[in-house]
Structure formats: structure tokens, C-alpha cells
Amino acid sequence: MLVEDYGPVAVFALIAILFPALAFWVSRFFRPTKFQPQKRMTYECGEQPIGHGQIQFHVQFYLYAIIFVIFDIVTVFLMIWALVFSQLDDTAKLYMIAFLGLLLIGVAYALKKGEVLWI
């Protein structure tokens, strides 16, 4: 009974382990073994890097990214919601209004902080 129930799972687990190992082993025969000095550089485009590779970004750029994600999510969900609005029941409409309310709270918070004056 145990082999009948978990036999297919064991076969798929064995395939999941063996397939990547086999792929790495086969790729060993096709990959180049002689590396060029340019390949070991920070950037593989052949240009010499100028300055440090790690620079400091202002937090404001991250806030712009977060606000963009908020507007992006609103746009995606509003388009889907508008397509099926007449078929939704009251519970789904209530959840969507709550979702929009939370996103509007996030936008209001960003505006209150004064970090996103471009809106």
C-alpha cells in the first residue's frame, strides 16, 4: 500500500535529483575550459571599470520604486476588476474596495511624507 501511494512521488523525486545532475555532467563536455583574462573582470563587456562597483543610492529612489509598484498593482487589478465587475458578488466588491483603500492609505502616507512631489 505504501509503495503504491508514494511510488510515483519517489520516481519524480529521483528524476528531479538526477536530471539536473545529468545536465551539469553533460554540460561539462561542451563548455570552454580555457578562460580569458577579460572573463574574470567585473564587467564582461571588455571595458575597464571606472570607480567603485558599489555606490550609494538615495532612499528617495526606493520610495519612487515603491510608489510605482503601488500604482502598477492598482492599474492591473482595476483593469481586471472592470472587466468582470457586473459578474462579481457583493463580497468580492467589498474586498476590492478594501484593497483600494489600503493602497490609497499608502499613497496618502507617501504624499504626507513629501517624498513624491511629482504626483
PDB file of N, CA and C in Angstrom:
ATOM      1  N   MET A   1       0.823  -1.195   0.000  1.00  0.00           N
ATOM      2  CA  MET A   1       0.000   0.000   0.000  1.00  0.00           C
ATOM      3  C   MET A   1       0.867   1.260   0.000  1.00  0.00           C
ATOM      4  N   LEU A   2       1.944   1.258   0.761  1.00  0.00           N
ATOM      5  CA  LEU A   2       2.806   2.420   0.851  1.00  0.00           C
ATOM      6  C   LEU A   2       3.533   2.671  -0.463  1.00  0.00           C
ATOM      7  N   VAL A   3       3.988   1.584  -1.116  1.00  0.00           N
ATOM      8  CA  VAL A   3       4.690   1.724  -2.388  1.00  0.00           C
ATOM      9  C   VAL A   3       3.719   2.187  -3.471  1.00  0.00           C
ATOM     10  N   GLU A   4       2.505   1.730  -3.441  1.00  0.00           N
ATOM     11  CA  GLU A   4       1.521   2.138  -4.437  1.00  0.00           C
ATOM     12  C   GLU A   4       1.167   3.613  -4.297  1.00  0.00           C
ATOM     13  N   ASP A   5       1.134   4.108  -3.065  1.00  0.00           N
ATOM     14  CA  ASP A   5       0.766   5.503  -2.851  1.00  0.00           C
ATOM     15  C   ASP A   5       1.920   6.456  -3.142  1.00  0.00           C
ATOM     16  N   TYR A   6       3.100   6.103  -2.645  1.00  0.00           N
ATOM     17  CA  TYR A   6       4.239   7.013  -2.748  1.00  0.00           C
ATOM     18  C   TYR A   6       5.249   6.615  -3.816  1.00  0.00           C
ATOM     19  N   GLY A   7       4.993   5.575  -4.555  1.00  0.00           N
ATOM     20  CA  GLY A   7       5.896   5.159  -5.626  1.00  0.00           C
ATOM     21  C   GLY A   7       6.081   6.216  -6.700  1.00  0.00           C
ATOM     22  N   PRO A   8       4.983   6.789  -7.230  1.00  0.00           N
ATOM     23  CA  PRO A   8       5.148   7.853  -8.241  1.00  0.00           C
ATOM     24  C   PRO A   8       5.883   9.079  -7.690  1.00  0.00           C
ATOM     25  N   VAL A   9       5.649   9.402  -6.422  1.00  0.00           N
ATOM     26  CA  VAL A   9       6.348  10.540  -5.822  1.00  0.00           C
ATOM     27  C   VAL A   9       7.842  10.258  -5.751  1.00  0.00           C
ATOM     28  N   ALA A  10       8.203   9.031  -5.393  1.00  0.00           N
ATOM     29  CA  ALA A  10       9.616   8.664  -5.320  1.00  0.00           C
ATOM     30  C   ALA A  10      10.262   8.694  -6.703  1.00  0.00           C
ATOM     31  N   VAL A  11       9.534   8.267  -7.722  1.00  0.00           N
ATOM     32  CA  VAL A  11      10.072   8.296  -9.088  1.00  0.00           C
ATOM     33  C   VAL A  11      10.305   9.737  -9.523  1.00  0.00           C
ATOM     34  N   PHE A  12       9.340  10.621  -9.281  1.00  0.00           N
ATOM     35  CA  PHE A  12       9.507  12.018  -9.658  1.00  0.00           C
ATOM     36  C   PHE A  12      10.616  12.685  -8.850  1.00  0.00           C
ATOM     37  N   ALA A  13      10.767  12.326  -7.580  1.00  0.00           N
ATOM     38  CA  ALA A  13      11.856  12.880  -6.773  1.00  0.00           C
ATOM     39  C   ALA A  13      13.202  12.425  -7.315  1.00  0.00           C
ATOM     40  N   LEU A  14      13.280  11.168  -7.720  1.00  0.00           N
ATOM     41  CA  LEU A  14      14.525  10.658  -8.291  1.00  0.00           C
ATOM     42  C   LEU A  14      14.855  11.364  -9.604  1.00  0.00           C
ATOM     43  N   ILE A  15      13.850  11.586 -10.431  1.00  0.00           N
ATOM     44  CA  ILE A  15      14.058  12.315 -11.690  1.00  0.00           C
ATOM     45  C   ILE A  15      14.473  13.755 -11.393  1.00  0.00           C
ATOM     46  N   ALA A  16      13.852  14.375 -10.382  1.00  0.00           N
ATOM     47  CA  ALA A  16      14.182  15.760 -10.040  1.00  0.00           C
ATOM     48  C   ALA A  16      15.606  15.896  -9.540  1.00  0.00           C
ATOM     49  N   ILE A  17      16.152  14.867  -8.967  1.00  0.00           N
ATOM     50  CA  ILE A  17      17.535  14.907  -8.493  1.00  0.00           C
ATOM     51  C   ILE A  17      18.506  14.539  -9.613  1.00  0.00           C
ATOM     52  N   LEU A  18      18.163  13.527 -10.394  1.00  0.00           N
ATOM     53  CA  LEU A  18      19.082  13.048 -11.419  1.00  0.00           C
ATOM     54  C   LEU A  18      19.160  13.946 -12.647  1.00  0.00           C
ATOM     55  N   PHE A  19      18.070  14.565 -13.043  1.00  0.00           N
ATOM     56  CA  PHE A  19      18.083  15.382 -14.255  1.00  0.00           C
ATOM     57  C   PHE A  19      19.043  16.568 -14.159  1.00  0.00           C
ATOM     58  N   PRO A  20      19.001  17.379 -13.085  1.00  0.00           N
ATOM     59  CA  PRO A  20      19.983  18.473 -13.009  1.00  0.00           C
ATOM     60  C   PRO A  20      21.423  17.963 -12.905  1.00  0.00           C
ATOM     61  N   ALA A  21      21.634  16.872 -12.171  1.00  0.00           N
ATOM     62  CA  ALA A  21      22.992  16.332 -12.068  1.00  0.00           C
ATOM     63  C   ALA A  21      23.484  15.865 -13.433  1.00  0.00           C
ATOM     64  N   LEU A  22      22.622  15.222 -14.193  1.00  0.00           N
ATOM     65  CA  LEU A  22      22.985  14.789 -15.538  1.00  0.00           C
ATOM     66  C   LEU A  22      23.238  15.984 -16.454  1.00  0.00           C
ATOM     67  N   ALA A  23      22.439  17.027 -16.328  1.00  0.00           N
ATOM     68  CA  ALA A  23      22.620  18.226 -17.157  1.00  0.00           C
ATOM     69  C   ALA A  23      23.959  18.887 -16.863  1.00  0.00           C
ATOM     70  N   PHE A  24      24.342  18.986 -15.593  1.00  0.00           N
ATOM     71  CA  PHE A  24      25.642  19.561 -15.259  1.00  0.00           C
ATOM     72  C   PHE A  24      26.785  18.694 -15.774  1.00  0.00           C
ATOM     73  N   TRP A  25      26.623  17.392 -15.677  1.00  0.00           N
ATOM     74  CA  TRP A  25      27.670  16.483 -16.130  1.00  0.00           C
ATOM     75  C   TRP A  25      27.852  16.570 -17.644  1.00  0.00           C
ATOM     76  N   VAL A  26      26.746  16.632 -18.406  1.00  0.00           N
ATOM     77  CA  VAL A  26      26.826  16.726 -19.865  1.00  0.00           C
ATOM     78  C   VAL A  26      27.368  18.091 -20.290  1.00  0.00           C
ATOM     79  N   SER A  27      26.998  19.151 -19.588  1.00  0.00           N
ATOM     80  CA  SER A  27      27.468  20.483 -19.964  1.00  0.00           C
ATOM     81  C   SER A  27      28.967  20.627 -19.761  1.00  0.00           C
ATOM     82  N   ARG A  28      29.540  19.790 -18.949  1.00  0.00           N
ATOM     83  CA  ARG A  28      30.979  19.823 -18.724  1.00  0.00           C
ATOM     84  C   ARG A  28      31.755  19.529 -20.015  1.00  0.00           C
ATOM     85  N   PHE A  29      31.182  18.750 -20.905  1.00  0.00           N
ATOM     86  CA  PHE A  29      31.847  18.403 -22.156  1.00  0.00           C
ATOM     87  C   PHE A  29      31.725  19.497 -23.221  1.00  0.00           C
ATOM     88  N   PHE A  30      30.762  20.389 -23.084  1.00  0.00           N
ATOM     89  CA  PHE A  30      30.510  21.404 -24.098  1.00  0.00           C
ATOM     90  C   PHE A  30      31.007  22.788 -23.723  1.00  0.00           C
ATOM     91  N   ARG A  31      31.262  23.043 -22.474  1.00  0.00           N
ATOM     92  CA  ARG A  31      31.676  24.385 -22.060  1.00  0.00           C
ATOM     93  C   ARG A  31      33.166  24.593 -22.311  1.00  0.00           C
ATOM     94  N   PRO A  32      33.570  25.847 -22.493  1.00  0.00           N
ATOM     95  CA  PRO A  32      35.005  26.109 -22.683  1.00  0.00           C
ATOM     96  C   PRO A  32      35.753  25.945 -21.359  1.00  0.00           C
ATOM     97  N   THR A  33      36.953  25.423 -21.451  1.00  0.00           N
ATOM     98  CA  THR A  33      37.727  25.212 -20.232  1.00  0.00           C
ATOM     99  C   THR A  33      38.836  26.240 -20.072  1.00  0.00           C
ATOM    100  N   LYS A  34      39.186  26.949 -21.149  1.00  0.00           N
ATOM    101  CA  LYS A  34      40.236  27.948 -21.084  1.00  0.00           C
ATOM    102  C   LYS A  34      39.591  29.334 -20.948  1.00  0.00           C
ATOM    103  N   PHE A  35      39.768  29.946 -19.787  1.00  0.00           N
ATOM    104  CA  PHE A  35      39.160  31.241 -19.538  1.00  0.00           C
ATOM    105  C   PHE A  35      40.117  32.351 -19.952  1.00  0.00           C
ATOM    106  N   GLN A  36      39.579  33.407 -20.516  1.00  0.00           N
ATOM    107  CA  GLN A  36      40.344  34.586 -20.895  1.00  0.00           C
ATOM    108  C   GLN A  36      40.418  35.537 -19.697  1.00  0.00           C
ATOM    109  N   PRO A  37      41.450  36.382 -19.637  1.00  0.00           N
ATOM    110  CA  PRO A  37      41.539  37.336 -18.520  1.00  0.00           C
ATOM    111  C   PRO A  37      40.359  38.311 -18.484  1.00  0.00           C
ATOM    112  N   GLN A  38      39.823  38.637 -19.657  1.00  0.00           N
ATOM    113  CA  GLN A  38      38.679  39.546 -19.690  1.00  0.00           C
ATOM    114  C   GLN A  38      37.457  38.916 -19.022  1.00  0.00           C
ATOM    115  N   LYS A  39      37.387  37.623 -19.057  1.00  0.00           N
ATOM    116  CA  LYS A  39      36.243  36.932 -18.482  1.00  0.00           C
ATOM    117  C   LYS A  39      36.220  37.072 -16.959  1.00  0.00           C
ATOM    118  N   ARG A  40      37.368  37.242 -16.360  1.00  0.00           N
ATOM    119  CA  ARG A  40      37.459  37.352 -14.914  1.00  0.00           C
ATOM    120  C   ARG A  40      37.284  38.796 -14.421  1.00  0.00           C
ATOM    121  N   MET A  41      37.058  39.738 -15.345  1.00  0.00           N
ATOM    122  CA  MET A  41      36.851  41.128 -14.944  1.00  0.00           C
ATOM    123  C   MET A  41      35.472  41.296 -14.320  1.00  0.00           C
ATOM    124  N   THR A  42      35.283  42.446 -13.698  1.00  0.00           N
ATOM    125  CA  THR A  42      33.994  42.733 -13.075  1.00  0.00           C
ATOM    126  C   THR A  42      32.890  42.777 -14.119  1.00  0.00           C
ATOM    127  N   TYR A  43      33.169  43.446 -15.232  1.00  0.00           N
ATOM    128  CA  TYR A  43      32.193  43.535 -16.302  1.00  0.00           C
ATOM    129  C   TYR A  43      32.727  42.744 -17.486  1.00  0.00           C
ATOM    130  N   GLU A  44      31.884  41.967 -18.116  1.00  0.00           N
ATOM    131  CA  GLU A  44      32.322  41.096 -19.196  1.00  0.00           C
ATOM    132  C   GLU A  44      32.267  41.767 -20.556  1.00  0.00           C
ATOM    133  N   CYS A  45      32.043  43.076 -20.600  1.00  0.00           N
ATOM    134  CA  CYS A  45      31.944  43.749 -21.892  1.00  0.00           C
ATOM    135  C   CYS A  45      33.304  44.143 -22.434  1.00  0.00           C
ATOM    136  N   GLY A  46      34.370  43.975 -21.663  1.00  0.00           N
ATOM    137  CA  GLY A  46      35.694  44.296 -22.134  1.00  0.00           C
ATOM    138  C   GLY A  46      36.167  45.674 -21.737  1.00  0.00           C
ATOM    139  N   GLU A  47      35.308  46.500 -21.158  1.00  0.00           N
ATOM    140  CA  GLU A  47      35.684  47.838 -20.724  1.00  0.00           C
ATOM    141  C   GLU A  47      36.252  47.784 -19.313  1.00  0.00           C
ATOM    142  N   GLN A  48      37.212  48.653 -19.060  1.00  0.00           N
ATOM    143  CA  GLN A  48      37.764  48.749 -17.720  1.00  0.00           C
ATOM    144  C   GLN A  48      36.767  49.489 -16.827  1.00  0.00           C
ATOM    145  N   PRO A  49      36.464  48.957 -15.653  1.00  0.00           N
ATOM    146  CA  PRO A  49      35.538  49.651 -14.765  1.00  0.00           C
ATOM    147  C   PRO A  49      36.153  50.952 -14.236  1.00  0.00           C
ATOM    148  N   ILE A  50      35.322  51.955 -14.104  1.00  0.00           N
ATOM    149  CA  ILE A  50      35.758  53.255 -13.576  1.00  0.00           C
ATOM    150  C   ILE A  50      35.087  53.452 -12.221  1.00  0.00           C
ATOM    151  N   GLY A  51      35.860  53.702 -11.208  1.00  0.00           N
ATOM    152  CA  GLY A  51      35.302  53.944  -9.875  1.00  0.00           C
ATOM    153  C   GLY A  51      34.965  52.650  -9.170  1.00  0.00           C
ATOM    154  N   HIS A  52      34.233  52.810  -8.097  1.00  0.00           N
ATOM    155  CA  HIS A  52      33.854  51.651  -7.287  1.00  0.00           C
ATOM    156  C   HIS A  52      32.612  50.987  -7.862  1.00  0.00           C
ATOM    157  N   GLY A  53      32.494  49.705  -7.628  1.00  0.00           N
ATOM    158  CA  GLY A  53      31.336  48.961  -8.103  1.00  0.00           C
ATOM    159  C   GLY A  53      30.113  49.155  -7.227  1.00  0.00           C
ATOM    160  N   GLN A  54      30.320  49.588  -5.998  1.00  0.00           N
ATOM    161  CA  GLN A  54      29.204  49.791  -5.076  1.00  0.00           C
ATOM    162  C   GLN A  54      29.068  51.280  -4.796  1.00  0.00           C
ATOM    163  N   ILE A  55      27.945  51.849  -5.220  1.00  0.00           N
ATOM    164  CA  ILE A  55      27.695  53.261  -4.963  1.00  0.00           C
ATOM    165  C   ILE A  55      26.448  53.380  -4.103  1.00  0.00           C
ATOM    166  N   GLN A  56      26.333  54.472  -3.421  1.00  0.00           N
ATOM    167  CA  GLN A  56      25.194  54.710  -2.552  1.00  0.00           C
ATOM    168  C   GLN A  56      24.064  55.368  -3.342  1.00  0.00           C
ATOM    169  N   PHE A  57      22.867  54.837  -3.209  1.00  0.00           N
ATOM    170  CA  PHE A  57      21.690  55.442  -3.804  1.00  0.00           C
ATOM    171  C   PHE A  57      20.904  56.140  -2.709  1.00  0.00           C
ATOM    172  N   HIS A  58      20.227  57.202  -3.083  1.00  0.00           N
ATOM    173  CA  HIS A  58      19.374  57.890  -2.125  1.00  0.00           C
ATOM    174  C   HIS A  58      18.139  57.041  -1.853  1.00  0.00           C
ATOM    175  N   VAL A  59      17.604  57.152  -0.666  1.00  0.00           N
ATOM    176  CA  VAL A  59      16.410  56.400  -0.289  1.00  0.00           C
ATOM    177  C   VAL A  59      15.228  56.832  -1.145  1.00  0.00           C
ATOM    178  N   GLN A  60      15.273  58.041  -1.653  1.00  0.00           N
ATOM    179  CA  GLN A  60      14.178  58.556  -2.454  1.00  0.00           C
ATOM    180  C   GLN A  60      13.927  57.705  -3.700  1.00  0.00           C
ATOM    181  N   PHE A  61      14.963  57.134  -4.273  1.00  0.00           N
ATOM    182  CA  PHE A  61      14.781  56.281  -5.446  1.00  0.00           C
ATOM    183  C   PHE A  61      13.997  55.021  -5.084  1.00  0.00           C
ATOM    184  N   TYR A  62      14.245  54.488  -3.908  1.00  0.00           N
ATOM    185  CA  TYR A  62      13.499  53.313  -3.467  1.00  0.00           C
ATOM    186  C   TYR A  62      12.038  53.674  -3.198  1.00  0.00           C
ATOM    187  N   LEU A  63      11.816  54.863  -2.672  1.00  0.00           N
ATOM    188  CA  LEU A  63      10.436  55.290  -2.447  1.00  0.00           C
ATOM    189  C   LEU A  63       9.700  55.462  -3.770  1.00  0.00           C
ATOM    190  N   TYR A  64      10.383  55.993  -4.783  1.00  0.00           N
ATOM    191  CA  TYR A  64       9.767  56.085  -6.110  1.00  0.00           C
ATOM    192  C   TYR A  64       9.398  54.697  -6.622  1.00  0.00           C
ATOM    193  N   ALA A  65      10.275  53.734  -6.402  1.00  0.00           N
ATOM    194  CA  ALA A  65      10.000  52.375  -6.862  1.00  0.00           C
ATOM    195  C   ALA A  65       8.793  51.793  -6.147  1.00  0.00           C
ATOM    196  N   ILE A  66       8.691  52.031  -4.849  1.00  0.00           N
ATOM    197  CA  ILE A  66       7.553  51.504  -4.092  1.00  0.00           C
ATOM    198  C   ILE A  66       6.253  52.150  -4.568  1.00  0.00           C
ATOM    199  N   ILE A  67       6.269  53.458  -4.777  1.00  0.00           N
ATOM    200  CA  ILE A  67       5.065  54.139  -5.262  1.00  0.00           C
ATOM    201  C   ILE A  67       4.702  53.648  -6.659  1.00  0.00           C
ATOM    202  N   PHE A  68       5.698  53.409  -7.503  1.00  0.00           N
ATOM    203  CA  PHE A  68       5.424  52.870  -8.834  1.00  0.00           C
ATOM    204  C   PHE A  68       4.757  51.504  -8.738  1.00  0.00           C
ATOM    205  N   VAL A  69       5.240  50.670  -7.840  1.00  0.00           N
ATOM    206  CA  VAL A  69       4.641  49.349  -7.675  1.00  0.00           C
ATOM    207  C   VAL A  69       3.193  49.479  -7.206  1.00  0.00           C
ATOM    208  N   ILE A  70       2.942  50.424  -6.308  1.00  0.00           N
ATOM    209  CA  ILE A  70       1.562  50.633  -5.847  1.00  0.00           C
ATOM    210  C   ILE A  70       0.670  51.006  -7.015  1.00  0.00           C
ATOM    211  N   PHE A  71       1.099  51.968  -7.834  1.00  0.00           N
ATOM    212  CA  PHE A  71       0.278  52.371  -8.979  1.00  0.00           C
ATOM    213  C   PHE A  71       0.162  51.255 -10.009  1.00  0.00           C
ATOM    214  N   ASP A  72       1.199  50.480 -10.174  1.00  0.00           N
ATOM    215  CA  ASP A  72       1.172  49.374 -11.117  1.00  0.00           C
ATOM    216  C   ASP A  72       0.170  48.310 -10.674  1.00  0.00           C
ATOM    217  N   ILE A  73       0.200  47.983  -9.405  1.00  0.00           N
ATOM    218  CA  ILE A  73      -0.741  46.985  -8.881  1.00  0.00           C
ATOM    219  C   ILE A  73      -2.171  47.486  -9.000  1.00  0.00           C
ATOM    220  N   VAL A  74      -2.385  48.747  -8.682  1.00  0.00           N
ATOM    221  CA  VAL A  74      -3.729  49.309  -8.804  1.00  0.00           C
ATOM    222  C   VAL A  74      -4.210  49.223 -10.246  1.00  0.00           C
ATOM    223  N   THR A  75      -3.355  49.563 -11.179  1.00  0.00           N
ATOM    224  CA  THR A  75      -3.746  49.535 -12.592  1.00  0.00           C
ATOM    225  C   THR A  75      -4.102  48.126 -13.045  1.00  0.00           C
ATOM    226  N   VAL A  76      -3.280  47.169 -12.689  1.00  0.00           N
ATOM    227  CA  VAL A  76      -3.532  45.792 -13.109  1.00  0.00           C
ATOM    228  C   VAL A  76      -4.831  45.264 -12.514  1.00  0.00           C
ATOM    229  N   PHE A  77      -5.017  45.466 -11.210  1.00  0.00           N
ATOM    230  CA  PHE A  77      -6.218  44.939 -10.584  1.00  0.00           C
ATOM    231  C   PHE A  77      -7.465  45.697 -10.999  1.00  0.00           C
ATOM    232  N   LEU A  78      -7.371  46.987 -11.244  1.00  0.00           N
ATOM    233  CA  LEU A  78      -8.544  47.739 -11.667  1.00  0.00           C
ATOM    234  C   LEU A  78      -8.992  47.329 -13.068  1.00  0.00           C
ATOM    235  N   MET A  79      -8.060  47.021 -13.939  1.00  0.00           N
ATOM    236  CA  MET A  79      -8.450  46.582 -15.281  1.00  0.00           C
ATOM    237  C   MET A  79      -9.190  45.248 -15.219  1.00  0.00           C
ATOM    238  N   ILE A  80      -8.673  44.321 -14.430  1.00  0.00           N
ATOM    239  CA  ILE A  80      -9.344  43.025 -14.289  1.00  0.00           C
ATOM    240  C   ILE A  80     -10.692  43.205 -13.606  1.00  0.00           C
ATOM    241  N   TRP A  81     -10.720  44.031 -12.593  1.00  0.00           N
ATOM    242  CA  TRP A  81     -11.960  44.272 -11.854  1.00  0.00           C
ATOM    243  C   TRP A  81     -13.012  44.914 -12.754  1.00  0.00           C
ATOM    244  N   ALA A  82     -12.607  45.822 -13.625  1.00  0.00           N
ATOM    245  CA  ALA A  82     -13.556  46.487 -14.517  1.00  0.00           C
ATOM    246  C   ALA A  82     -14.130  45.513 -15.543  1.00  0.00           C
ATOM    247  N   LEU A  83     -13.353  44.524 -15.946  1.00  0.00           N
ATOM    248  CA  LEU A  83     -13.846  43.572 -16.938  1.00  0.00           C
ATOM    249  C   LEU A  83     -14.930  42.663 -16.379  1.00  0.00           C
ATOM    250  N   VAL A  84     -14.830  42.316 -15.100  1.00  0.00           N
ATOM    251  CA  VAL A  84     -15.777  41.358 -14.530  1.00  0.00           C
ATOM    252  C   VAL A  84     -16.646  41.988 -13.443  1.00  0.00           C
ATOM    253  N   PHE A  85     -16.761  43.311 -13.440  1.00  0.00           N
ATOM    254  CA  PHE A  85     -17.468  43.994 -12.363  1.00  0.00           C
ATOM    255  C   PHE A  85     -18.924  43.559 -12.255  1.00  0.00           C
ATOM    256  N   SER A  86     -19.607  43.407 -13.357  1.00  0.00           N
ATOM    257  CA  SER A  86     -21.035  43.061 -13.309  1.00  0.00           C
ATOM    258  C   SER A  86     -21.266  41.624 -12.848  1.00  0.00           C
ATOM    259  N   GLN A  87     -20.252  40.775 -12.929  1.00  0.00           N
ATOM    260  CA  GLN A  87     -20.407  39.376 -12.528  1.00  0.00           C
ATOM    261  C   GLN A  87     -19.995  39.122 -11.082  1.00  0.00           C
ATOM    262  N   LEU A  88     -19.440  40.118 -10.410  1.00  0.00           N
ATOM    263  CA  LEU A  88     -18.956  39.939  -9.047  1.00  0.00           C
ATOM    264  C   LEU A  88     -20.096  40.029  -8.050  1.00  0.00           C
ATOM    265  N   ASP A  89     -19.958  39.297  -6.980  1.00  0.00           N
ATOM    266  CA  ASP A  89     -20.943  39.427  -5.909  1.00  0.00           C
ATOM    267  C   ASP A  89     -20.498  40.543  -4.960  1.00  0.00           C
ATOM    268  N   ASP A  90     -21.307  40.819  -3.967  1.00  0.00           N
ATOM    269  CA  ASP A  90     -21.035  41.941  -3.071  1.00  0.00           C
ATOM    270  C   ASP A  90     -19.773  41.724  -2.239  1.00  0.00           C
ATOM    271  N   THR A  91     -19.462  40.487  -1.899  1.00  0.00           N
ATOM    272  CA  THR A  91     -18.272  40.212  -1.097  1.00  0.00           C
ATOM    273  C   THR A  91     -17.004  40.552  -1.878  1.00  0.00           C
ATOM    274  N   ALA A  92     -16.957  40.182  -3.141  1.00  0.00           N
ATOM    275  CA  ALA A  92     -15.796  40.483  -3.966  1.00  0.00           C
ATOM    276  C   ALA A  92     -15.636  41.991  -4.144  1.00  0.00           C
ATOM    277  N   LYS A  93     -16.749  42.686  -4.313  1.00  0.00           N
ATOM    278  CA  LYS A  93     -16.679  44.143  -4.441  1.00  0.00           C
ATOM    279  C   LYS A  93     -16.188  44.782  -3.143  1.00  0.00           C
ATOM    280  N   LEU A  94     -16.592  44.246  -2.021  1.00  0.00           N
ATOM    281  CA  LEU A  94     -16.146  44.759  -0.727  1.00  0.00           C
ATOM    282  C   LEU A  94     -14.641  44.534  -0.540  1.00  0.00           C
ATOM    283  N   TYR A  95     -14.163  43.359  -0.935  1.00  0.00           N
ATOM    284  CA  TYR A  95     -12.721  43.083  -0.850  1.00  0.00           C
ATOM    285  C   TYR A  95     -11.923  44.025  -1.746  1.00  0.00           C
ATOM    286  N   MET A  96     -12.431  44.309  -2.922  1.00  0.00           N
ATOM    287  CA  MET A  96     -11.726  45.198  -3.833  1.00  0.00           C
ATOM    288  C   MET A  96     -11.702  46.620  -3.295  1.00  0.00           C
ATOM    289  N   ILE A  97     -12.793  47.051  -2.699  1.00  0.00           N
ATOM    290  CA  ILE A  97     -12.822  48.383  -2.099  1.00  0.00           C
ATOM    291  C   ILE A  97     -11.846  48.455  -0.929  1.00  0.00           C
ATOM    292  N   ALA A  98     -11.760  47.395  -0.131  1.00  0.00           N
ATOM    293  CA  ALA A  98     -10.793  47.366   0.965  1.00  0.00           C
ATOM    294  C   ALA A  98      -9.364  47.394   0.429  1.00  0.00           C
ATOM    295  N   PHE A  99      -9.108  46.668  -0.645  1.00  0.00           N
ATOM    296  CA  PHE A  99      -7.788  46.659  -1.275  1.00  0.00           C
ATOM    297  C   PHE A  99      -7.416  48.055  -1.771  1.00  0.00           C
ATOM    298  N   LEU A 100      -8.327  48.711  -2.454  1.00  0.00           N
ATOM    299  CA  LEU A 100      -8.074  50.065  -2.932  1.00  0.00           C
ATOM    300  C   LEU A 100      -7.883  51.033  -1.775  1.00  0.00           C
ATOM    301  N   GLY A 101      -8.627  50.816  -0.705  1.00  0.00           N
ATOM    302  CA  GLY A 101      -8.460  51.668   0.472  1.00  0.00           C
ATOM    303  C   GLY A 101      -7.068  51.552   1.064  1.00  0.00           C
ATOM    304  N   LEU A 102      -6.551  50.330   1.160  1.00  0.00           N
ATOM    305  CA  LEU A 102      -5.195  50.145   1.679  1.00  0.00           C
ATOM    306  C   LEU A 102      -4.154  50.803   0.770  1.00  0.00           C
ATOM    307  N   LEU A 103      -4.340  50.685  -0.534  1.00  0.00           N
ATOM    308  CA  LEU A 103      -3.398  51.315  -1.446  1.00  0.00           C
ATOM    309  C   LEU A 103      -3.487  52.838  -1.384  1.00  0.00           C
ATOM    310  N   LEU A 104      -4.681  53.364  -1.210  1.00  0.00           N
ATOM    311  CA  LEU A 104      -4.821  54.808  -1.067  1.00  0.00           C
ATOM    312  C   LEU A 104      -4.193  55.306   0.228  1.00  0.00           C
ATOM    313  N   ILE A 105      -4.240  54.497   1.278  1.00  0.00           N
ATOM    314  CA  ILE A 105      -3.556  54.860   2.522  1.00  0.00           C
ATOM    315  C   ILE A 105      -2.051  54.946   2.281  1.00  0.00           C
ATOM    316  N   GLY A 106      -1.518  54.001   1.497  1.00  0.00           N
ATOM    317  CA  GLY A 106      -0.095  54.046   1.164  1.00  0.00           C
ATOM    318  C   GLY A 106       0.268  55.278   0.360  1.00  0.00           C
ATOM    319  N   VAL A 107      -0.553  55.663  -0.594  1.00  0.00           N
ATOM    320  CA  VAL A 107      -0.297  56.855  -1.398  1.00  0.00           C
ATOM    321  C   VAL A 107      -0.416  58.103  -0.528  1.00  0.00           C
ATOM    322  N   ALA A 108      -1.419  58.147   0.344  1.00  0.00           N
ATOM    323  CA  ALA A 108      -1.579  59.301   1.237  1.00  0.00           C
ATOM    324  C   ALA A 108      -0.384  59.436   2.166  1.00  0.00           C
ATOM    325  N   TYR A 109       0.139  58.318   2.650  1.00  0.00           N
ATOM    326  CA  TYR A 109       1.320  58.350   3.507  1.00  0.00           C
ATOM    327  C   TYR A 109       2.524  58.902   2.753  1.00  0.00           C
ATOM    328  N   ALA A 110       2.694  58.475   1.512  1.00  0.00           N
ATOM    329  CA  ALA A 110       3.819  58.969   0.714  1.00  0.00           C
ATOM    330  C   ALA A 110       3.677  60.456   0.435  1.00  0.00           C
ATOM    331  N   LEU A 111       2.474  60.910   0.163  1.00  0.00           N
ATOM    332  CA  LEU A 111       2.256  62.335  -0.067  1.00  0.00           C
ATOM    333  C   LEU A 111       2.483  63.135   1.205  1.00  0.00           C
ATOM    334  N   LYS A 112       2.073  62.585   2.333  1.00  0.00           N
ATOM    335  CA  LYS A 112       2.257  63.269   3.612  1.00  0.00           C
ATOM    336  C   LYS A 112       3.737  63.427   3.939  1.00  0.00           C
ATOM    337  N   LYS A 113       4.533  62.414   3.607  1.00  0.00           N
ATOM    338  CA  LYS A 113       5.979  62.487   3.855  1.00  0.00           C
ATOM    339  C   LYS A 113       6.648  63.496   2.934  1.00  0.00           C
ATOM    340  N   GLY A 114       6.024  63.841   1.835  1.00  0.00           N
ATOM    341  CA  GLY A 114       6.575  64.822   0.917  1.00  0.00           C
ATOM    342  C   GLY A 114       7.689  64.283   0.044  1.00  0.00           C
ATOM    343  N   GLU A 115       7.814  62.983  -0.037  1.00  0.00           N
ATOM    344  CA  GLU A 115       8.882  62.371  -0.829  1.00  0.00           C
ATOM    345  C   GLU A 115       8.527  62.265  -2.297  1.00  0.00           C
ATOM    346  N   VAL A 116       7.275  62.314  -2.609  1.00  0.00           N
ATOM    347  CA  VAL A 116       6.846  62.131  -4.000  1.00  0.00           C
ATOM    348  C   VAL A 116       6.075  63.369  -4.446  1.00  0.00           C
ATOM    349  N   LEU A 117       6.797  64.402  -4.731  1.00  0.00           N
ATOM    350  CA  LEU A 117       6.160  65.660  -5.144  1.00  0.00           C
ATOM    351  C   LEU A 117       5.794  65.668  -6.611  1.00  0.00           C
ATOM    352  N   TRP A 118       6.207  64.647  -7.362  1.00  0.00           N
ATOM    353  CA  TRP A 118       5.927  64.581  -8.786  1.00  0.00           C
ATOM    354  C   TRP A 118       4.530  64.075  -9.081  1.00  0.00           C
ATOM    355  N   ILE A 119       3.819  63.572  -8.067  1.00  0.00           N
ATOM    356  CA  ILE A 119       2.461  63.046  -8.296  1.00  0.00           C
ATOM    357  C   ILE A 119       1.502  64.192  -8.533  1.00  0.00           C
TER     358      ILE A 119
END
